[in-house]
Amino acid sequence: MDTRGLLLLLGAIVCEIFGTNALKASEGFTRPLPALLVIIGYGTSFYLMSLSLRTIPLGIAYAIWSGLGTAVIAVIGVLLWREKLGAAGIIGIALIIAGVVLLNLFGEQRA
């Protein structure tokens, strides 16, 4: 994995997080501006993800993209949207982060 690929992947994650928050704000696509932001966020995320796949293996990129996105969205859900997160959720997020760390440390040995 090179720096450019990782930066593209990070950008994809940020855009996915943006799109997911807009999805919540769209209230089932009943609010036009947040609905438009969903399309922009996810579209940009997929585009950046596709560029990152030039240098990052698909399985590793997808695991990092979905894992970090899920963990950050769960935290944002608690902080921004006032959603509840119990002990099982906290443990789950910790396991996701641990998995992403393991992939980054040892993932290229399989690729």
N, C-alpha and C. Protein backbone atom coordinates (compact mmCIF):
# COMPACT_ATOMS: atom_id res chain seq x y z
N MET A 1 0.85 -1.19 0.00
CA MET A 1 0.00 0.00 0.00
C MET A 1 0.89 1.25 0.00
N ASP A 2 0.54 2.17 -0.84
CA ASP A 2 1.31 3.40 -0.88
C ASP A 2 0.51 4.53 -0.21
N THR A 3 1.18 5.64 0.01
CA THR A 3 0.57 6.78 0.71
C THR A 3 -0.62 7.32 -0.06
N ARG A 4 -0.50 7.43 -1.39
CA ARG A 4 -1.60 7.97 -2.20
C ARG A 4 -2.84 7.09 -2.06
N GLY A 5 -2.66 5.79 -2.14
CA GLY A 5 -3.78 4.87 -2.00
C GLY A 5 -4.45 4.99 -0.64
N LEU A 6 -3.63 5.11 0.39
CA LEU A 6 -4.20 5.25 1.74
C LEU A 6 -4.94 6.58 1.90
N LEU A 7 -4.41 7.65 1.30
CA LEU A 7 -5.11 8.94 1.37
C LEU A 7 -6.43 8.90 0.60
N LEU A 8 -6.44 8.23 -0.54
CA LEU A 8 -7.68 8.07 -1.28
C LEU A 8 -8.70 7.26 -0.48
N LEU A 9 -8.22 6.22 0.17
CA LEU A 9 -9.10 5.40 1.00
C LEU A 9 -9.64 6.21 2.17
N LEU A 10 -8.80 7.00 2.80
CA LEU A 10 -9.24 7.86 3.90
C LEU A 10 -10.31 8.84 3.41
N GLY A 11 -10.08 9.43 2.22
CA GLY A 11 -11.08 10.32 1.64
C GLY A 11 -12.39 9.60 1.39
N ALA A 12 -12.32 8.36 0.92
CA ALA A 12 -13.52 7.56 0.69
C ALA A 12 -14.28 7.33 1.99
N ILE A 13 -13.54 7.07 3.06
CA ILE A 13 -14.16 6.85 4.38
C ILE A 13 -14.85 8.12 4.86
N VAL A 14 -14.17 9.25 4.74
CA VAL A 14 -14.75 10.53 5.16
C VAL A 14 -16.03 10.82 4.38
N CYS A 15 -16.01 10.59 3.07
CA CYS A 15 -17.20 10.85 2.26
C CYS A 15 -18.34 9.89 2.60
N GLU A 16 -18.00 8.65 2.91
CA GLU A 16 -19.02 7.67 3.31
C GLU A 16 -19.65 8.09 4.63
N ILE A 17 -18.85 8.56 5.56
CA ILE A 17 -19.37 9.04 6.85
C ILE A 17 -20.28 10.25 6.63
N PHE A 18 -19.84 11.16 5.77
CA PHE A 18 -20.65 12.33 5.42
C PHE A 18 -21.99 11.89 4.82
N GLY A 19 -21.94 10.96 3.86
CA GLY A 19 -23.16 10.47 3.21
C GLY A 19 -24.09 9.77 4.16
N THR A 20 -23.54 9.02 5.10
CA THR A 20 -24.37 8.30 6.06
C THR A 20 -25.06 9.27 7.01
N ASN A 21 -24.36 10.31 7.44
CA ASN A 21 -25.01 11.32 8.29
C ASN A 21 -26.09 12.07 7.53
N ALA A 22 -25.83 12.35 6.26
CA ALA A 22 -26.86 12.98 5.43
C ALA A 22 -28.06 12.05 5.26
N LEU A 23 -27.81 10.74 5.19
CA LEU A 23 -28.89 9.76 5.09
C LEU A 23 -29.80 9.84 6.31
N LYS A 24 -29.22 9.94 7.48
CA LYS A 24 -30.01 10.09 8.70
C LYS A 24 -30.79 11.40 8.65
N ALA A 25 -30.14 12.48 8.24
CA ALA A 25 -30.78 13.79 8.19
C ALA A 25 -31.86 13.87 7.11
N SER A 26 -31.79 13.01 6.10
CA SER A 26 -32.76 13.06 5.01
C SER A 26 -34.15 12.58 5.43
N GLU A 27 -34.22 11.92 6.58
CA GLU A 27 -35.50 11.41 7.12
C GLU A 27 -36.24 10.60 6.06
N GLY A 28 -35.57 9.56 5.59
CA GLY A 28 -36.17 8.67 4.60
C GLY A 28 -36.30 9.30 3.23
N PHE A 29 -35.36 10.14 2.87
CA PHE A 29 -35.33 10.86 1.59
C PHE A 29 -36.53 11.80 1.43
N THR A 30 -37.06 12.28 2.53
CA THR A 30 -38.17 13.24 2.45
C THR A 30 -37.67 14.68 2.47
N ARG A 31 -36.41 14.89 2.78
CA ARG A 31 -35.82 16.23 2.77
C ARG A 31 -34.83 16.30 1.61
N PRO A 32 -35.11 17.15 0.61
CA PRO A 32 -34.33 17.15 -0.64
C PRO A 32 -32.83 17.45 -0.48
N LEU A 33 -32.46 18.45 0.30
CA LEU A 33 -31.04 18.79 0.39
C LEU A 33 -30.23 17.66 1.03
N PRO A 34 -30.64 17.13 2.19
CA PRO A 34 -29.87 16.00 2.72
C PRO A 34 -29.87 14.79 1.78
N ALA A 35 -30.96 14.57 1.06
CA ALA A 35 -31.02 13.45 0.11
C ALA A 35 -29.99 13.64 -1.00
N LEU A 36 -29.86 14.87 -1.49
CA LEU A 36 -28.85 15.17 -2.51
C LEU A 36 -27.44 14.96 -1.94
N LEU A 37 -27.23 15.35 -0.68
CA LEU A 37 -25.93 15.17 -0.04
C LEU A 37 -25.58 13.69 0.14
N VAL A 38 -26.59 12.84 0.32
CA VAL A 38 -26.37 11.39 0.39
C VAL A 38 -25.76 10.91 -0.92
N ILE A 39 -26.36 11.31 -2.02
CA ILE A 39 -25.90 10.88 -3.34
C ILE A 39 -24.49 11.39 -3.61
N ILE A 40 -24.24 12.65 -3.27
CA ILE A 40 -22.90 13.21 -3.46
C ILE A 40 -21.88 12.50 -2.57
N GLY A 41 -22.22 12.29 -1.31
CA GLY A 41 -21.29 11.65 -0.38
C GLY A 41 -20.94 10.24 -0.78
N TYR A 42 -21.97 9.43 -1.07
CA TYR A 42 -21.70 8.04 -1.45
C TYR A 42 -21.05 7.95 -2.83
N GLY A 43 -21.49 8.78 -3.76
CA GLY A 43 -20.87 8.76 -5.09
C GLY A 43 -19.39 9.09 -5.04
N THR A 44 -19.05 10.12 -4.29
CA THR A 44 -17.65 10.49 -4.14
C THR A 44 -16.87 9.40 -3.40
N SER A 45 -17.50 8.81 -2.40
CA SER A 45 -16.85 7.75 -1.66
C SER A 45 -16.51 6.56 -2.56
N PHE A 46 -17.46 6.13 -3.35
CA PHE A 46 -17.20 5.00 -4.25
C PHE A 46 -16.14 5.34 -5.29
N TYR A 47 -16.16 6.56 -5.78
CA TYR A 47 -15.15 6.97 -6.76
C TYR A 47 -13.75 6.93 -6.13
N LEU A 48 -13.59 7.53 -4.95
CA LEU A 48 -12.29 7.53 -4.29
C LEU A 48 -11.86 6.11 -3.92
N MET A 49 -12.83 5.29 -3.50
CA MET A 49 -12.53 3.90 -3.17
C MET A 49 -12.00 3.18 -4.41
N SER A 50 -12.62 3.42 -5.56
CA SER A 50 -12.18 2.76 -6.79
C SER A 50 -10.75 3.16 -7.15
N LEU A 51 -10.41 4.42 -6.91
CA LEU A 51 -9.03 4.86 -7.18
C LEU A 51 -8.04 4.23 -6.21
N SER A 52 -8.46 4.06 -4.95
CA SER A 52 -7.55 3.46 -3.96
C SER A 52 -7.24 2.01 -4.29
N LEU A 53 -8.16 1.36 -5.01
CA LEU A 53 -7.97 -0.06 -5.35
C LEU A 53 -6.87 -0.29 -6.37
N ARG A 54 -6.32 0.78 -6.91
CA ARG A 54 -5.18 0.64 -7.81
C ARG A 54 -3.94 0.14 -7.07
N THR A 55 -3.86 0.47 -5.77
CA THR A 55 -2.67 0.09 -5.00
C THR A 55 -2.97 -0.70 -3.73
N ILE A 56 -4.24 -0.79 -3.35
CA ILE A 56 -4.61 -1.52 -2.14
C ILE A 56 -5.45 -2.73 -2.54
N PRO A 57 -5.14 -3.91 -2.04
CA PRO A 57 -5.94 -5.09 -2.36
C PRO A 57 -7.41 -4.88 -1.93
N LEU A 58 -8.33 -5.39 -2.73
CA LEU A 58 -9.76 -5.19 -2.52
C LEU A 58 -10.22 -5.58 -1.11
N GLY A 59 -9.86 -6.76 -0.66
CA GLY A 59 -10.32 -7.22 0.64
C GLY A 59 -9.86 -6.34 1.78
N ILE A 60 -8.63 -5.91 1.71
CA ILE A 60 -8.08 -5.04 2.76
C ILE A 60 -8.73 -3.67 2.69
N ALA A 61 -8.85 -3.11 1.49
CA ALA A 61 -9.46 -1.78 1.34
C ALA A 61 -10.90 -1.79 1.83
N TYR A 62 -11.66 -2.80 1.45
CA TYR A 62 -13.06 -2.86 1.84
C TYR A 62 -13.21 -3.05 3.35
N ALA A 63 -12.36 -3.88 3.93
CA ALA A 63 -12.43 -4.10 5.38
C ALA A 63 -12.13 -2.80 6.14
N ILE A 64 -11.13 -2.07 5.69
CA ILE A 64 -10.78 -0.80 6.34
C ILE A 64 -11.89 0.21 6.13
N TRP A 65 -12.39 0.33 4.90
CA TRP A 65 -13.44 1.29 4.55
C TRP A 65 -14.70 1.04 5.36
N SER A 66 -15.16 -0.20 5.35
CA SER A 66 -16.40 -0.50 6.06
C SER A 66 -16.20 -0.52 7.57
N GLY A 67 -15.07 -1.03 8.03
CA GLY A 67 -14.83 -1.12 9.47
C GLY A 67 -14.68 0.23 10.13
N LEU A 68 -13.82 1.07 9.58
CA LEU A 68 -13.64 2.40 10.17
C LEU A 68 -14.90 3.24 10.01
N GLY A 69 -15.54 3.12 8.86
CA GLY A 69 -16.79 3.85 8.65
C GLY A 69 -17.84 3.47 9.68
N THR A 70 -17.99 2.18 9.92
CA THR A 70 -18.96 1.69 10.90
C THR A 70 -18.63 2.19 12.29
N ALA A 71 -17.37 2.10 12.68
CA ALA A 71 -16.97 2.53 14.02
C ALA A 71 -17.19 4.03 14.22
N VAL A 72 -16.79 4.83 13.25
CA VAL A 72 -16.94 6.28 13.38
C VAL A 72 -18.41 6.67 13.36
N ILE A 73 -19.21 6.04 12.50
CA ILE A 73 -20.64 6.34 12.45
C ILE A 73 -21.31 5.99 13.77
N ALA A 74 -20.91 4.90 14.39
CA ALA A 74 -21.49 4.54 15.69
C ALA A 74 -21.20 5.60 16.73
N VAL A 75 -19.98 6.10 16.75
CA VAL A 75 -19.60 7.16 17.70
C VAL A 75 -20.36 8.44 17.38
N ILE A 76 -20.44 8.80 16.11
CA ILE A 76 -21.19 10.00 15.72
C ILE A 76 -22.66 9.85 16.07
N GLY A 77 -23.19 8.65 15.91
CA GLY A 77 -24.58 8.40 16.29
C GLY A 77 -24.84 8.73 17.74
N VAL A 78 -23.91 8.38 18.59
CA VAL A 78 -24.03 8.68 20.02
C VAL A 78 -23.88 10.18 20.27
N LEU A 79 -22.86 10.78 19.69
CA LEU A 79 -22.55 12.18 19.97
C LEU A 79 -23.49 13.17 19.29
N LEU A 80 -23.81 12.93 18.03
CA LEU A 80 -24.59 13.88 17.25
C LEU A 80 -26.09 13.58 17.26
N TRP A 81 -26.42 12.30 17.12
CA TRP A 81 -27.82 11.92 16.98
C TRP A 81 -28.43 11.41 18.28
N ARG A 82 -27.65 11.43 19.36
CA ARG A 82 -28.13 11.03 20.69
C ARG A 82 -28.64 9.59 20.74
N GLU A 83 -28.02 8.72 19.96
CA GLU A 83 -28.39 7.31 19.97
C GLU A 83 -27.69 6.62 21.13
N LYS A 84 -28.29 5.55 21.60
CA LYS A 84 -27.73 4.80 22.73
C LYS A 84 -26.77 3.73 22.20
N LEU A 85 -25.72 3.49 22.97
CA LEU A 85 -24.74 2.46 22.63
C LEU A 85 -24.40 1.72 23.91
N GLY A 86 -24.80 0.46 23.97
CA GLY A 86 -24.56 -0.34 25.16
C GLY A 86 -23.18 -0.99 25.16
N ALA A 87 -22.97 -1.82 26.17
CA ALA A 87 -21.67 -2.49 26.32
C ALA A 87 -21.34 -3.35 25.11
N ALA A 88 -22.33 -4.07 24.59
CA ALA A 88 -22.08 -4.93 23.42
C ALA A 88 -21.65 -4.08 22.23
N GLY A 89 -22.26 -2.92 22.04
CA GLY A 89 -21.88 -2.03 20.95
C GLY A 89 -20.46 -1.52 21.10
N ILE A 90 -20.11 -1.15 22.31
CA ILE A 90 -18.75 -0.66 22.56
C ILE A 90 -17.72 -1.76 22.30
N ILE A 91 -18.02 -2.97 22.76
CA ILE A 91 -17.11 -4.10 22.52
C ILE A 91 -17.02 -4.38 21.02
N GLY A 92 -18.15 -4.33 20.33
CA GLY A 92 -18.15 -4.55 18.89
C GLY A 92 -17.30 -3.55 18.14
N ILE A 93 -17.42 -2.27 18.50
CA ILE A 93 -16.62 -1.24 17.86
C ILE A 93 -15.14 -1.47 18.14
N ALA A 94 -14.80 -1.83 19.36
CA ALA A 94 -13.41 -2.12 19.70
C ALA A 94 -12.88 -3.29 18.86
N LEU A 95 -13.70 -4.30 18.64
CA LEU A 95 -13.28 -5.44 17.82
C LEU A 95 -13.10 -5.03 16.35
N ILE A 96 -13.97 -4.15 15.86
CA ILE A 96 -13.82 -3.66 14.49
C ILE A 96 -12.49 -2.92 14.35
N ILE A 97 -12.20 -2.04 15.28
CA ILE A 97 -10.95 -1.28 15.23
C ILE A 97 -9.75 -2.22 15.34
N ALA A 98 -9.85 -3.21 16.21
CA ALA A 98 -8.76 -4.19 16.34
C ALA A 98 -8.56 -4.94 15.02
N GLY A 99 -9.64 -5.29 14.35
CA GLY A 99 -9.54 -5.97 13.06
C GLY A 99 -8.88 -5.12 12.01
N VAL A 100 -9.23 -3.83 11.98
CA VAL A 100 -8.60 -2.92 11.01
C VAL A 100 -7.11 -2.80 11.30
N VAL A 101 -6.75 -2.70 12.56
CA VAL A 101 -5.33 -2.62 12.93
C VAL A 101 -4.60 -3.88 12.49
N LEU A 102 -5.18 -5.05 12.74
CA LEU A 102 -4.55 -6.31 12.34
C LEU A 102 -4.39 -6.39 10.82
N LEU A 103 -5.40 -5.96 10.09
CA LEU A 103 -5.28 -5.96 8.63
C LEU A 103 -4.15 -5.07 8.16
N ASN A 104 -4.02 -3.92 8.80
CA ASN A 104 -2.95 -3.01 8.41
C ASN A 104 -1.58 -3.54 8.77
N LEU A 105 -1.49 -4.27 9.86
CA LEU A 105 -0.20 -4.80 10.28
C LEU A 105 0.20 -6.04 9.50
N PHE A 106 -0.77 -6.91 9.20
CA PHE A 106 -0.43 -8.20 8.63
C PHE A 106 -1.13 -8.51 7.31
N GLY A 107 -1.95 -7.62 6.81
CA GLY A 107 -2.76 -7.90 5.62
C GLY A 107 -1.96 -8.12 4.36
N GLU A 108 -0.88 -7.42 4.16
CA GLU A 108 -0.12 -7.56 2.91
C GLU A 108 0.65 -8.87 2.84
N GLN A 109 0.79 -9.57 3.96
CA GLN A 109 1.46 -10.85 3.92
C GLN A 109 0.67 -11.85 3.11
N ARG A 110 -0.67 -11.68 3.07
CA ARG A 110 -1.52 -12.58 2.31
C ARG A 110 -1.69 -12.13 0.87
N ALA A 111 -1.53 -10.82 0.63
CA ALA A 111 -1.82 -10.27 -0.71
C ALA A 111 -0.72 -10.62 -1.71
